[in-house]
Amino acid sequence: MNTPQIAQMKDRLARNPGVVLEKLADGSGLTMAQLIECLPEAMWRKVDGRHCVAVLEALPALGDVTVIVHTADGIFEIGGAFPAGETGHGFYNLHGKQGLHGHLRAERCQAIYLVERPFMGRDSASLLFANGDGGVMFKVFAGREADGSLKQPQLAALRALMEAHA
């Protein structure tokens, strides 16, 4: 879809890629997935959602990350290691005992984006899992060092994960 609205959004995000995308999506008529793809191309990569379970299975090896679920009514952030899980009863079941645990409908994932962009004055890197409606199911952010910089081994692992499923 290459409409004037998409072109306008690409221009806006080229000038300010650090905007809160959910806030921008509210009045734009575009989905989160469409907005992600309006970011400068160097800031995002996309793999097919059929790789969702494989990507989820790789996340525990990253160590401490931040998982964010952003809804219209709240932003929930869970820090720590992403839990291991397994598929059963129609879900990908996260086996965390503390912190993050629960059940994901992995088959609803249509795309996974690695987004690397400035946010709130710092570099950020995250995986965004998008559903068939173009909404973001949840995000997994790379961790930070004590000085606030991104953990480079995690960033390299996220990039390698995307490359492996490209």
Protein backbone atom coordinates (compact mmCIF):
# COMPACT_ATOMS: atom_id res chain seq x y z
CA MET A 1 0.00 0.00 0.00
CA ASN A 2 1.68 3.18 -1.17
CA THR A 3 -0.83 5.90 -0.49
CA PRO A 4 -0.20 9.60 0.14
CA GLN A 5 -0.86 8.87 3.82
CA ILE A 6 1.94 6.26 3.85
CA ALA A 7 4.31 8.69 2.09
CA GLN A 8 3.43 11.42 4.61
CA MET A 9 4.02 9.03 7.53
CA LYS A 10 7.36 7.89 6.09
CA ASP A 11 8.44 11.52 5.87
CA ARG A 12 7.28 12.22 9.43
CA LEU A 13 9.06 9.16 10.84
CA ALA A 14 12.23 9.96 8.89
CA ARG A 15 12.30 13.28 10.75
CA ASN A 16 11.33 11.81 14.15
CA PRO A 17 11.72 8.02 14.33
CA GLY A 18 11.60 8.06 18.14
CA VAL A 19 7.92 8.87 18.46
CA VAL A 20 5.68 6.49 20.43
CA LEU A 21 4.22 4.48 17.57
CA GLU A 22 1.07 3.49 19.47
CA LYS A 23 0.25 7.14 20.04
CA LEU A 24 0.83 7.88 16.38
CA ALA A 25 -1.35 4.93 15.34
CA ASP A 26 -4.33 6.15 17.39
CA GLY A 27 -5.42 8.85 14.99
CA SER A 28 -3.62 7.86 11.82
CA GLY A 29 -5.85 5.07 10.53
CA LEU A 30 -2.72 2.94 10.07
CA THR A 31 -1.89 -0.25 11.91
CA MET A 32 1.21 -0.64 14.03
CA ALA A 33 2.69 -2.96 11.41
CA GLN A 34 2.13 -0.32 8.72
CA LEU A 35 3.75 2.32 10.94
CA ILE A 36 6.76 0.12 11.62
CA GLU A 37 7.19 -0.23 7.87
CA CYS A 38 7.03 3.56 7.56
CA LEU A 39 10.18 3.89 9.66
CA PRO A 40 13.38 4.36 7.65
CA GLU A 41 14.19 0.96 6.11
CA ALA A 42 17.54 0.76 7.92
CA MET A 43 15.66 0.73 11.25
CA TRP A 44 13.61 -2.43 10.80
CA ARG A 45 13.71 -5.99 9.54
CA LYS A 46 10.79 -8.35 9.16
CA VAL A 47 10.42 -12.11 9.23
CA ASP A 48 7.30 -14.16 8.68
CA GLY A 49 5.24 -15.00 11.76
CA ARG A 50 5.50 -18.71 10.99
CA HIS A 51 8.86 -18.47 12.77
CA CYS A 52 7.22 -17.25 15.99
CA VAL A 53 7.76 -20.39 18.06
CA ALA A 54 11.37 -20.74 16.92
CA VAL A 55 12.05 -17.13 17.87
CA LEU A 56 10.29 -17.56 21.23
CA GLU A 57 12.37 -20.66 21.93
CA ALA A 58 15.58 -18.66 21.33
CA LEU A 59 14.69 -15.78 23.67
CA PRO A 60 15.59 -17.42 27.03
CA ALA A 61 19.25 -17.60 25.93
CA LEU A 62 19.39 -13.78 25.72
CA GLY A 63 19.37 -13.26 29.47
CA ASP A 64 17.59 -10.28 30.99
CA VAL A 65 15.29 -8.43 28.60
CA THR A 66 12.21 -6.24 29.01
CA VAL A 67 8.88 -7.49 27.70
CA ILE A 68 6.31 -4.77 27.06
CA VAL A 69 2.60 -5.17 26.46
CA HIS A 70 1.13 -1.84 25.34
CA THR A 71 -2.66 -1.49 25.27
CA ALA A 72 -4.93 1.54 25.07
CA ASP A 73 -5.30 1.32 28.84
CA GLY A 74 -1.79 0.64 30.06
CA ILE A 75 1.82 -0.18 29.36
CA PHE A 76 3.08 -3.22 31.22
CA GLU A 77 6.83 -3.85 31.48
CA ILE A 78 8.28 -7.11 32.79
CA GLY A 79 12.03 -7.37 33.26
CA GLY A 80 14.09 -10.53 33.52
CA ALA A 81 14.88 -13.58 31.47
CA PHE A 82 12.26 -14.60 28.91
CA PRO A 83 10.90 -17.95 30.12
CA ALA A 84 11.20 -21.20 28.23
CA GLY A 85 7.97 -22.63 26.91
CA GLU A 86 6.30 -25.23 24.78
CA THR A 87 3.36 -25.58 22.45
CA GLY A 88 0.23 -27.27 23.78
CA HIS A 89 -3.55 -26.88 23.84
CA GLY A 90 -3.45 -24.19 21.14
CA PHE A 91 -0.96 -21.95 22.96
CA TYR A 92 2.74 -21.38 23.37
CA ASN A 93 2.88 -21.83 27.14
CA LEU A 94 5.51 -19.78 29.00
CA HIS A 95 6.83 -21.72 31.98
CA GLY A 96 7.96 -18.83 34.16
CA LYS A 97 7.49 -19.38 37.90
CA GLN A 98 8.03 -15.71 38.77
CA GLY A 99 7.67 -12.63 36.62
CA LEU A 100 6.59 -13.33 33.06
CA HIS A 101 4.45 -16.40 32.49
CA GLY A 102 1.29 -17.12 30.56
CA HIS A 103 0.00 -18.37 27.24
CA LEU A 104 0.43 -16.95 23.73
CA ARG A 105 -1.55 -17.73 20.61
CA ALA A 106 1.58 -18.04 18.50
CA GLU A 107 -0.40 -18.98 15.39
CA ARG A 108 -1.84 -15.43 15.39
CA CYS A 109 1.63 -13.98 14.84
CA GLN A 110 1.88 -12.84 11.21
CA ALA A 111 5.21 -11.00 11.37
CA ILE A 112 8.13 -10.37 13.69
CA TYR A 113 10.00 -7.10 13.37
CA LEU A 114 13.41 -6.21 14.71
CA VAL A 115 13.24 -2.46 15.24
CA GLU A 116 16.41 -0.50 15.99
CA ARG A 117 15.74 3.18 16.45
CA PRO A 118 16.39 6.06 18.80
CA PHE A 119 13.85 6.35 21.60
CA MET A 120 13.83 8.91 24.40
CA GLY A 121 17.35 10.00 23.52
CA ARG A 122 18.88 6.51 23.52
CA ASP A 123 19.34 3.70 21.04
CA SER A 124 16.77 0.93 21.40
CA ALA A 125 16.36 -2.51 19.89
CA SER A 126 13.27 -4.66 20.15
CA LEU A 127 11.40 -7.53 18.61
CA LEU A 128 7.77 -6.68 17.91
CA PHE A 129 5.39 -9.58 17.33
CA ALA A 130 2.53 -8.45 15.06
CA ASN A 131 -0.79 -10.20 14.56
CA GLY A 132 -2.88 -10.48 11.39
CA ASP A 133 -4.71 -7.26 12.22
CA GLY A 134 -1.41 -5.36 12.16
CA GLY A 135 -1.45 -4.90 15.93
CA VAL A 136 1.56 -5.58 18.12
CA MET A 137 0.97 -8.53 20.43
CA PHE A 138 4.00 -7.74 22.61
CA LYS A 139 7.56 -6.43 22.39
CA VAL A 140 10.86 -7.80 23.67
CA PHE A 141 13.53 -5.16 24.25
CA ALA A 142 17.25 -5.78 24.43
CA GLY A 143 18.73 -5.12 27.84
CA ARG A 144 21.01 -2.28 28.82
CA GLU A 145 24.42 -2.03 30.41
CA ALA A 146 24.94 0.01 33.59
CA ASP A 147 25.81 3.06 31.45
CA GLY A 148 22.49 2.79 29.56
CA SER A 149 23.97 1.46 26.33
CA LEU A 150 22.46 -1.58 24.69
CA LYS A 151 23.93 -4.96 25.60
CA GLN A 152 25.90 -5.64 22.43
CA PRO A 153 25.82 -9.46 22.72
CA GLN A 154 22.02 -9.32 22.90
CA LEU A 155 21.83 -6.96 19.96
CA ALA A 156 24.06 -9.28 17.93
CA ALA A 157 21.90 -12.26 18.95
CA LEU A 158 18.68 -10.47 17.90
CA ARG A 159 20.20 -9.61 14.54
CA ALA A 160 21.43 -13.19 14.05
CA LEU A 161 18.00 -14.54 15.00
CA MET A 162 16.34 -12.41 12.34
CA GLU A 163 18.95 -13.37 9.78
CA ALA A 164 18.45 -17.07 10.55
CA HIS A 165 14.73 -16.78 9.77
CA ALA A 166 14.92 -14.31 6.86
